[in-house]
Amino acid sequence: MNTLEKYEIEELEQTSVEGWSIDDIGGADWALRKISALQSQNDEIKKFADLERERIANWETKETESNNDRISFFEMKLSEYLNKLRKDDPKARIKTPHGTVGTRKVPDKWEYSSEAVAELKKLGMTEYVRIKEEVDKAAFKKSVSVIEGGRIVNSDGEVVEAVKVIPQGEKLSVKVEK
């Protein structure tokens, strides 16, 4: 933020924001300068916050890395002990007041190649091929008319109840030169 922008913000803090309005081009320019200065201040705050977030994330990674290595070590030792117990009892588990150790069956992973759909169609297994249906919104908008209340009418004059238009009005657009 440059000195002029700092001055703009200081001047803004001294000005009462209630009870005034923009009456001419000079007032509009003044308001745009204030917006520009405040946006610059927001950019500085964001840049500082991003640096702090990055610093904290690095600290967190550094602090948890050694703990995660230790956790992996203990899990490996528990796995070795469980495997030793399972030589005598294939369903053995370790239960202590601080937790349990066991195993769970992991479901097989199915991989589908990009040619799977074509091959299933070729084999006559089309009941396993899904076809996604959706509205072609661009073409639909061109082929219908909007009547009062945001209702839609097709070219035959029939009202399409499943679709309605919600007027959005206008949105103020302020672009500040930096």
C-alpha atoms as a PDB file:
ATOM      1  CA  MET A   1       0.000   0.000   0.000  1.00  0.00           C
ATOM      2  CA  ASN A   2       1.495   3.317  -1.019  1.00  0.00           C
ATOM      3  CA  THR A   3       1.466   6.574   0.955  1.00  0.00           C
ATOM      4  CA  LEU A   4      -1.466   8.009  -0.998  1.00  0.00           C
ATOM      5  CA  GLU A   5      -3.599   4.956  -0.229  1.00  0.00           C
ATOM      6  CA  LYS A   6      -2.687   5.214   3.466  1.00  0.00           C
ATOM      7  CA  TYR A   7      -3.750   8.853   3.376  1.00  0.00           C
ATOM      8  CA  GLU A   8      -7.052   7.853   1.715  1.00  0.00           C
ATOM      9  CA  ILE A   9      -7.778   5.368   4.512  1.00  0.00           C
ATOM     10  CA  GLU A  10      -6.856   7.854   7.256  1.00  0.00           C
ATOM     11  CA  GLU A  11      -9.104  10.452   5.627  1.00  0.00           C
ATOM     12  CA  LEU A  12     -11.908   7.878   5.415  1.00  0.00           C
ATOM     13  CA  GLU A  13     -11.602   7.079   9.119  1.00  0.00           C
ATOM     14  CA  GLN A  14     -11.949  10.784   9.925  1.00  0.00           C
ATOM     15  CA  THR A  15     -14.995  11.210   7.664  1.00  0.00           C
ATOM     16  CA  SER A  16     -18.421  10.407   9.030  1.00  0.00           C
ATOM     17  CA  VAL A  17     -19.911   7.800   6.683  1.00  0.00           C
ATOM     18  CA  GLU A  18     -23.492   8.554   7.673  1.00  0.00           C
ATOM     19  CA  GLY A  19     -25.480  11.485   6.334  1.00  0.00           C
ATOM     20  CA  TRP A  20     -23.712  12.122   3.041  1.00  0.00           C
ATOM     21  CA  SER A  21     -24.299  11.167  -0.552  1.00  0.00           C
ATOM     22  CA  ILE A  22     -22.481  11.320  -3.876  1.00  0.00           C
ATOM     23  CA  ASP A  23     -23.778  14.314  -5.841  1.00  0.00           C
ATOM     24  CA  ASP A  24     -21.226  14.747  -8.626  1.00  0.00           C
ATOM     25  CA  ILE A  25     -18.383  13.086 -10.532  1.00  0.00           C
ATOM     26  CA  GLY A  26     -15.861  14.322  -7.961  1.00  0.00           C
ATOM     27  CA  GLY A  27     -17.729  12.531  -5.177  1.00  0.00           C
ATOM     28  CA  ALA A  28     -17.877   9.351  -7.274  1.00  0.00           C
ATOM     29  CA  ASP A  29     -14.125   9.570  -7.905  1.00  0.00           C
ATOM     30  CA  TRP A  30     -13.508  10.119  -4.179  1.00  0.00           C
ATOM     31  CA  ALA A  31     -15.546   6.974  -3.360  1.00  0.00           C
ATOM     32  CA  LEU A  32     -13.647   4.943  -5.976  1.00  0.00           C
ATOM     33  CA  ARG A  33     -10.308   6.089  -4.491  1.00  0.00           C
ATOM     34  CA  LYS A  34     -11.510   4.958  -1.051  1.00  0.00           C
ATOM     35  CA  ILE A  35     -12.574   1.570  -2.457  1.00  0.00           C
ATOM     36  CA  SER A  36      -9.183   1.191  -4.143  1.00  0.00           C
ATOM     37  CA  ALA A  37      -7.319   2.007  -0.922  1.00  0.00           C
ATOM     38  CA  LEU A  38      -9.447  -0.419   1.106  1.00  0.00           C
ATOM     39  CA  GLN A  39      -8.945  -3.166  -1.490  1.00  0.00           C
ATOM     40  CA  SER A  40      -5.181  -2.609  -1.311  1.00  0.00           C
ATOM     41  CA  GLN A  41      -5.366  -2.923   2.453  1.00  0.00           C
ATOM     42  CA  ASN A  42      -7.364  -6.172   2.074  1.00  0.00           C
ATOM     43  CA  ASP A  43      -4.728  -7.489  -0.354  1.00  0.00           C
ATOM     44  CA  GLU A  44      -1.976  -6.770   2.186  1.00  0.00           C
ATOM     45  CA  ILE A  45      -3.932  -8.476   4.956  1.00  0.00           C
ATOM     46  CA  LYS A  46      -4.554 -11.512   2.742  1.00  0.00           C
ATOM     47  CA  LYS A  47      -0.877 -11.714   1.733  1.00  0.00           C
ATOM     48  CA  PHE A  48       0.188 -11.569   5.388  1.00  0.00           C
ATOM     49  CA  ALA A  49      -2.417 -14.159   6.413  1.00  0.00           C
ATOM     50  CA  ASP A  50      -1.312 -16.492   3.591  1.00  0.00           C
ATOM     51  CA  LEU A  51       2.299 -16.263   4.790  1.00  0.00           C
ATOM     52  CA  GLU A  52       1.229 -17.038   8.350  1.00  0.00           C
ATOM     53  CA  ARG A  53      -0.915 -19.982   7.221  1.00  0.00           C
ATOM     54  CA  GLU A  54       2.036 -21.378   5.254  1.00  0.00           C
ATOM     55  CA  ARG A  55       4.357 -20.931   8.226  1.00  0.00           C
ATOM     56  CA  ILE A  56       1.888 -22.678  10.556  1.00  0.00           C
ATOM     57  CA  ALA A  57       1.349 -25.518   8.054  1.00  0.00           C
ATOM     58  CA  ASN A  58       5.127 -26.038   7.837  1.00  0.00           C
ATOM     59  CA  TRP A  59       5.369 -26.060  11.634  1.00  0.00           C
ATOM     60  CA  GLU A  60       2.520 -28.568  11.874  1.00  0.00           C
ATOM     61  CA  THR A  61       4.147 -30.852   9.293  1.00  0.00           C
ATOM     62  CA  LYS A  62       7.491 -30.709  11.085  1.00  0.00           C
ATOM     63  CA  GLU A  63       5.943 -31.396  14.498  1.00  0.00           C
ATOM     64  CA  THR A  64       3.694 -34.262  13.385  1.00  0.00           C
ATOM     65  CA  GLU A  65       6.209 -35.957  11.071  1.00  0.00           C
ATOM     66  CA  SER A  66       8.276 -37.493  13.870  1.00  0.00           C
ATOM     67  CA  ASN A  67       5.113 -38.559  15.730  1.00  0.00           C
ATOM     68  CA  ASN A  68       3.769 -40.223  12.586  1.00  0.00           C
ATOM     69  CA  ASP A  69       7.072 -42.073  12.150  1.00  0.00           C
ATOM     70  CA  ARG A  70       6.803 -43.353  15.730  1.00  0.00           C
ATOM     71  CA  ILE A  71       3.152 -44.351  15.197  1.00  0.00           C
ATOM     72  CA  SER A  72       4.175 -46.352  12.111  1.00  0.00           C
ATOM     73  CA  PHE A  73       6.928 -48.050  14.117  1.00  0.00           C
ATOM     74  CA  PHE A  74       4.524 -49.113  16.881  1.00  0.00           C
ATOM     75  CA  GLU A  75       1.907 -50.274  14.351  1.00  0.00           C
ATOM     76  CA  MET A  76       4.575 -52.420  12.659  1.00  0.00           C
ATOM     77  CA  LYS A  77       5.535 -53.984  16.015  1.00  0.00           C
ATOM     78  CA  LEU A  78       1.854 -54.638  16.840  1.00  0.00           C
ATOM     79  CA  SER A  79       1.412 -56.248  13.415  1.00  0.00           C
ATOM     80  CA  GLU A  80       4.400 -58.531  14.027  1.00  0.00           C
ATOM     81  CA  TYR A  81       3.000 -59.555  17.428  1.00  0.00           C
ATOM     82  CA  LEU A  82      -0.484 -60.169  15.979  1.00  0.00           C
ATOM     83  CA  ASN A  83       0.993 -62.332  13.196  1.00  0.00           C
ATOM     84  CA  LYS A  84       2.849 -64.346  15.854  1.00  0.00           C
ATOM     85  CA  LEU A  85      -0.436 -64.864  17.777  1.00  0.00           C
ATOM     86  CA  ARG A  86      -2.256 -65.856  14.573  1.00  0.00           C
ATOM     87  CA  LYS A  87       0.066 -68.804  14.018  1.00  0.00           C
ATOM     88  CA  ASP A  88      -1.792 -70.538  16.888  1.00  0.00           C
ATOM     89  CA  ASP A  89      -5.216 -68.864  16.466  1.00  0.00           C
ATOM     90  CA  PRO A  90      -6.100 -67.491  12.988  1.00  0.00           C
ATOM     91  CA  LYS A  91      -8.763 -65.194  14.490  1.00  0.00           C
ATOM     92  CA  ALA A  92      -6.606 -63.797  17.299  1.00  0.00           C
ATOM     93  CA  ARG A  93      -6.967 -60.165  18.341  1.00  0.00           C
ATOM     94  CA  ILE A  94      -5.090 -58.017  20.816  1.00  0.00           C
ATOM     95  CA  LYS A  95      -7.295 -56.347  23.428  1.00  0.00           C
ATOM     96  CA  THR A  96      -5.995 -54.041  26.132  1.00  0.00           C
ATOM     97  CA  PRO A  97      -7.573 -51.240  28.150  1.00  0.00           C
ATOM     98  CA  HIS A  98      -5.984 -48.789  25.690  1.00  0.00           C
ATOM     99  CA  GLY A  99      -7.237 -50.296  22.461  1.00  0.00           C
ATOM    100  CA  THR A 100      -7.604 -53.298  20.219  1.00  0.00           C
ATOM    101  CA  VAL A 101      -5.609 -54.632  17.297  1.00  0.00           C
ATOM    102  CA  GLY A 102      -7.141 -56.796  14.622  1.00  0.00           C
ATOM    103  CA  THR A 103      -7.520 -56.994  10.891  1.00  0.00           C
ATOM    104  CA  ARG A 104     -10.370 -56.307   8.514  1.00  0.00           C
ATOM    105  CA  LYS A 105     -10.958 -57.711   5.092  1.00  0.00           C
ATOM    106  CA  VAL A 106     -10.439 -55.021   2.477  1.00  0.00           C
ATOM    107  CA  PRO A 107     -12.791 -55.390  -0.500  1.00  0.00           C
ATOM    108  CA  ASP A 108     -11.207 -56.099  -3.860  1.00  0.00           C
ATOM    109  CA  LYS A 109     -10.672 -53.088  -6.079  1.00  0.00           C
ATOM    110  CA  TRP A 110     -12.334 -53.229  -9.482  1.00  0.00           C
ATOM    111  CA  GLU A 111     -10.613 -51.395 -12.305  1.00  0.00           C
ATOM    112  CA  TYR A 112     -12.603 -50.473 -15.399  1.00  0.00           C
ATOM    113  CA  SER A 113     -10.664 -49.596 -18.529  1.00  0.00           C
ATOM    114  CA  SER A 114     -11.855 -46.872 -20.869  1.00  0.00           C
ATOM    115  CA  GLU A 115     -13.019 -49.597 -23.298  1.00  0.00           C
ATOM    116  CA  ALA A 116     -15.281 -51.295 -20.710  1.00  0.00           C
ATOM    117  CA  VAL A 117     -18.508 -49.710 -22.025  1.00  0.00           C
ATOM    118  CA  ALA A 118     -17.773 -50.677 -25.624  1.00  0.00           C
ATOM    119  CA  GLU A 119     -16.868 -54.234 -24.643  1.00  0.00           C
ATOM    120  CA  LEU A 120     -19.994 -54.683 -22.511  1.00  0.00           C
ATOM    121  CA  LYS A 121     -22.136 -53.462 -25.428  1.00  0.00           C
ATOM    122  CA  LYS A 122     -20.332 -55.859 -27.791  1.00  0.00           C
ATOM    123  CA  LEU A 123     -20.983 -58.774 -25.408  1.00  0.00           C
ATOM    124  CA  GLY A 124     -24.679 -57.852 -25.177  1.00  0.00           C
ATOM    125  CA  MET A 125     -24.443 -56.828 -21.518  1.00  0.00           C
ATOM    126  CA  THR A 126     -26.134 -53.460 -22.081  1.00  0.00           C
ATOM    127  CA  GLU A 127     -28.164 -53.745 -18.857  1.00  0.00           C
ATOM    128  CA  TYR A 128     -24.928 -52.873 -17.038  1.00  0.00           C
ATOM    129  CA  VAL A 129     -24.313 -49.716 -19.053  1.00  0.00           C
ATOM    130  CA  ARG A 130     -25.877 -46.565 -17.638  1.00  0.00           C
ATOM    131  CA  ILE A 131     -26.867 -43.673 -19.846  1.00  0.00           C
ATOM    132  CA  LYS A 132     -26.895 -40.315 -18.105  1.00  0.00           C
ATOM    133  CA  GLU A 133     -29.837 -38.166 -19.131  1.00  0.00           C
ATOM    134  CA  GLU A 134     -29.830 -34.433 -18.525  1.00  0.00           C
ATOM    135  CA  VAL A 135     -31.429 -31.294 -19.916  1.00  0.00           C
ATOM    136  CA  ASP A 136     -29.593 -29.592 -22.789  1.00  0.00           C
ATOM    137  CA  LYS A 137     -30.059 -26.204 -21.149  1.00  0.00           C
ATOM    138  CA  ALA A 138     -28.669 -24.053 -23.967  1.00  0.00           C
ATOM    139  CA  ALA A 139     -30.891 -25.626 -26.635  1.00  0.00           C
ATOM    140  CA  PHE A 140     -33.887 -25.648 -24.270  1.00  0.00           C
ATOM    141  CA  LYS A 141     -33.574 -21.902 -23.561  1.00  0.00           C
ATOM    142  CA  LYS A 142     -33.528 -21.159 -27.299  1.00  0.00           C
ATOM    143  CA  SER A 143     -36.639 -23.244 -28.019  1.00  0.00           C
ATOM    144  CA  VAL A 144     -39.020 -21.887 -25.341  1.00  0.00           C
ATOM    145  CA  SER A 145     -40.549 -18.558 -24.331  1.00  0.00           C
ATOM    146  CA  VAL A 146     -40.844 -16.978 -20.906  1.00  0.00           C
ATOM    147  CA  ILE A 147     -44.264 -15.589 -19.935  1.00  0.00           C
ATOM    148  CA  GLU A 148     -45.554 -13.730 -16.874  1.00  0.00           C
ATOM    149  CA  GLY A 149     -44.524 -15.096 -13.519  1.00  0.00           C
ATOM    150  CA  GLY A 150     -41.396 -16.733 -14.927  1.00  0.00           C
ATOM    151  CA  ARG A 151     -43.360 -19.602 -16.473  1.00  0.00           C
ATOM    152  CA  ILE A 152     -42.045 -21.391 -19.561  1.00  0.00           C
ATOM    153  CA  VAL A 153     -44.065 -22.103 -22.723  1.00  0.00           C
ATOM    154  CA  ASN A 154     -42.866 -24.410 -25.508  1.00  0.00           C
ATOM    155  CA  SER A 155     -43.430 -23.824 -29.243  1.00  0.00           C
ATOM    156  CA  ASP A 156     -46.814 -25.636 -29.074  1.00  0.00           C
ATOM    157  CA  GLY A 157     -48.063 -23.231 -26.396  1.00  0.00           C
ATOM    158  CA  GLU A 158     -47.886 -25.812 -23.606  1.00  0.00           C
ATOM    159  CA  VAL A 159     -46.666 -24.666 -20.190  1.00  0.00           C
ATOM    160  CA  VAL A 160     -43.585 -26.536 -18.937  1.00  0.00           C
ATOM    161  CA  GLU A 161     -44.240 -26.824 -15.196  1.00  0.00           C
ATOM    162  CA  ALA A 162     -40.900 -28.407 -14.287  1.00  0.00           C
ATOM    163  CA  VAL A 163     -38.920 -25.274 -15.183  1.00  0.00           C
ATOM    164  CA  LYS A 164     -39.377 -21.672 -14.109  1.00  0.00           C
ATOM    165  CA  VAL A 165     -37.360 -18.486 -14.517  1.00  0.00           C
ATOM    166  CA  ILE A 166     -36.457 -16.510 -11.408  1.00  0.00           C
ATOM    167  CA  PRO A 167     -35.615 -12.887 -12.283  1.00  0.00           C
ATOM    168  CA  GLN A 168     -32.288 -11.837 -10.809  1.00  0.00           C
ATOM    169  CA  GLY A 169     -32.434  -8.086 -11.379  1.00  0.00           C
ATOM    170  CA  GLU A 170     -29.184  -6.180 -11.658  1.00  0.00           C
ATOM    171  CA  LYS A 171     -25.953  -6.386  -9.724  1.00  0.00           C
ATOM    172  CA  LEU A 172     -23.733  -3.397  -9.055  1.00  0.00           C
ATOM    173  CA  SER A 173     -20.337  -3.726 -10.697  1.00  0.00           C
ATOM    174  CA  VAL A 174     -17.541  -1.522  -9.380  1.00  0.00           C
ATOM    175  CA  LYS A 175     -14.164  -1.767 -11.117  1.00  0.00           C
ATOM    176  CA  VAL A 176     -11.387   0.208  -9.515  1.00  0.00           C
ATOM    177  CA  GLU A 177      -8.245   1.141 -11.433  1.00  0.00           C
ATOM    178  CA  LYS A 178      -5.153   0.254  -9.440  1.00  0.00           C
END
